[in-house]
Protein backbone atom coordinates (compact mmCIF):
# COMPACT_ATOMS: atom_id res chain seq x y z
CA MET A 1 -50.06 -191.57 -53.81
CA PRO A 2 -47.97 -188.45 -52.84
CA LYS A 3 -46.66 -186.25 -55.54
CA PRO A 4 -42.95 -186.98 -56.27
CA TYR A 5 -40.59 -184.64 -55.70
CA PRO A 6 -38.93 -182.38 -58.27
CA ARG A 7 -35.78 -184.10 -60.05
CA ASP A 8 -33.32 -181.11 -58.96
CA PHE A 9 -34.34 -181.48 -55.21
CA ARG A 10 -33.88 -185.23 -55.46
CA GLU A 11 -30.58 -184.67 -57.29
CA ASP A 12 -29.46 -182.01 -54.76
CA VAL A 13 -30.16 -184.43 -51.80
CA VAL A 14 -28.26 -187.26 -53.12
CA ARG A 15 -25.31 -184.86 -53.78
CA VAL A 16 -25.62 -184.19 -50.08
CA ALA A 17 -25.68 -187.47 -48.91
CA ARG A 18 -22.83 -188.65 -51.10
CA SER A 19 -20.55 -186.07 -49.99
CA ARG A 20 -21.64 -186.11 -46.34
CA GLU A 21 -18.78 -186.22 -43.57
CA PRO A 22 -17.75 -189.31 -41.82
CA GLY A 23 -20.03 -189.91 -38.99
CA VAL A 24 -22.91 -187.88 -40.37
CA LEU A 25 -26.24 -190.65 -40.87
CA LEU A 26 -28.21 -190.65 -43.71
CA LYS A 27 -31.38 -190.49 -41.38
CA ASP A 28 -30.25 -186.86 -40.35
CA ILE A 29 -29.55 -185.75 -43.93
CA ALA A 30 -33.15 -187.05 -44.71
CA ALA A 31 -34.76 -185.31 -41.58
CA ASP A 32 -32.69 -181.96 -42.73
CA PHE A 33 -34.60 -182.00 -45.99
CA GLY A 34 -37.98 -183.46 -44.72
CA ILE A 35 -38.09 -186.88 -46.23
CA SER A 36 -37.83 -190.34 -44.68
CA GLU A 37 -34.41 -192.31 -44.48
CA SER A 38 -35.75 -194.99 -46.69
CA CYS A 39 -36.86 -192.27 -49.42
CA LEU A 40 -33.31 -191.00 -49.17
CA ALA A 41 -31.93 -194.63 -49.60
CA ASN A 42 -34.07 -195.18 -52.60
CA TRP A 43 -33.06 -192.14 -54.41
CA MET A 44 -29.40 -193.10 -53.77
CA LYS A 45 -29.82 -196.41 -55.24
CA THR A 46 -31.46 -195.01 -58.12
CA ALA A 47 -28.88 -192.52 -58.67
CA ASP A 48 -26.17 -195.26 -58.41
CA VAL A 49 -27.87 -197.21 -61.38
CA GLU A 50 -28.53 -193.98 -63.21
CA ASP A 51 -24.79 -192.96 -62.72
CA GLY A 52 -23.37 -196.27 -63.71
CA LEU A 53 -22.09 -197.19 -60.34
CA LYS A 54 -24.22 -200.24 -59.79
CA PRO A 55 -25.69 -202.65 -62.18
CA GLY A 56 -29.47 -202.35 -62.96
CA THR A 57 -31.74 -200.49 -65.50
CA THR A 58 -31.88 -197.04 -66.27
CA ALA A 59 -34.92 -194.88 -66.44
CA ALA A 60 -33.82 -194.46 -70.28
CA GLU A 61 -33.64 -198.19 -70.63
CA ASN A 62 -36.74 -198.54 -68.92
CA ALA A 63 -38.62 -196.16 -71.21
CA GLU A 64 -37.08 -197.82 -74.20
CA LEU A 65 -38.37 -201.02 -73.23
CA ARG A 66 -41.64 -199.76 -72.35
CA GLU A 67 -41.96 -198.39 -76.10
CA ALA A 68 -40.46 -201.67 -77.79
CA LYS A 69 -43.21 -203.79 -75.57
CA LYS A 70 -46.13 -201.07 -77.17
CA ARG A 71 -44.41 -201.58 -80.70
CA ILE A 72 -44.75 -205.24 -80.19
CA ARG A 73 -48.31 -205.44 -78.99
CA LEU A 74 -49.35 -203.14 -82.17
CA LEU A 75 -47.45 -205.75 -84.34
CA GLU A 76 -49.12 -208.59 -82.63
CA GLN A 77 -52.25 -206.96 -82.74
CA TRP A 78 -52.03 -206.27 -86.60
CA GLY A 79 -49.99 -209.26 -87.38
CA HIS A 80 -53.23 -211.43 -87.60
CA LEU A 81 -54.18 -209.95 -90.81
CA PRO A 82 -54.04 -212.34 -93.59
CA LEU A 83 -51.21 -211.53 -95.78
CA ALA A 84 -53.10 -211.87 -99.02
CA GLY A 85 -55.25 -209.47 -97.67
CA ALA A 86 -52.39 -206.89 -97.36
CA ASN A 87 -51.01 -207.69 -100.78
CA GLU A 88 -54.46 -207.00 -102.11
CA VAL A 89 -54.44 -203.41 -100.64
CA LEU A 90 -50.90 -202.71 -101.83
CA ARG A 91 -51.60 -204.05 -105.46
CA ARG A 92 -54.82 -201.89 -105.67
CA ALA A 93 -53.22 -198.65 -104.14
CA ALA A 94 -50.36 -199.41 -106.62
CA ALA A 95 -52.67 -199.73 -109.42
CA TYR A 96 -54.31 -196.45 -108.38
CA LEU A 97 -51.47 -194.44 -108.09
CA SER A 98 -49.95 -195.89 -111.42
CA GLN A 99 -53.19 -194.40 -113.17
CA ALA A 100 -53.08 -191.20 -111.50
CA ASN A 101 -49.41 -190.28 -112.42
CA LEU A 102 -50.22 -190.92 -116.41
CA PRO A 103 -49.99 -187.87 -118.53
CA GLY A 104 -53.42 -186.99 -119.99
CA LYS A 105 -55.47 -189.06 -118.00
CA GLY A 106 -57.99 -186.88 -115.93
CA SER A 107 -55.78 -183.86 -116.07
CA SER A 108 -55.91 -180.76 -117.86
CA HIS A 109 -52.31 -180.20 -118.37
CA SER A 110 -50.96 -179.74 -122.01
């Protein structure tokens, strides 16, 4: 898979394409920048969505969705633990912490 072009480069090319003079074709702009016409068309579609000009899912929304799916997978993975077992762990931890905080128990403070 080819290395993606830098974001600044893509944004500059899209800006030039959007502000082109009447009669200037996308394929000519693409050729001037050394990319294919289909590549430029894809960049423009993506930019239209990112800029809110056309409906679609933005990169930020896609990242948020990926993160949410990851959290759901983790919850599903750990969600199979029996609740009684989790409660037992919490009960023991609370008992341990309450013993550790009692004055005079195992500490040399006077």
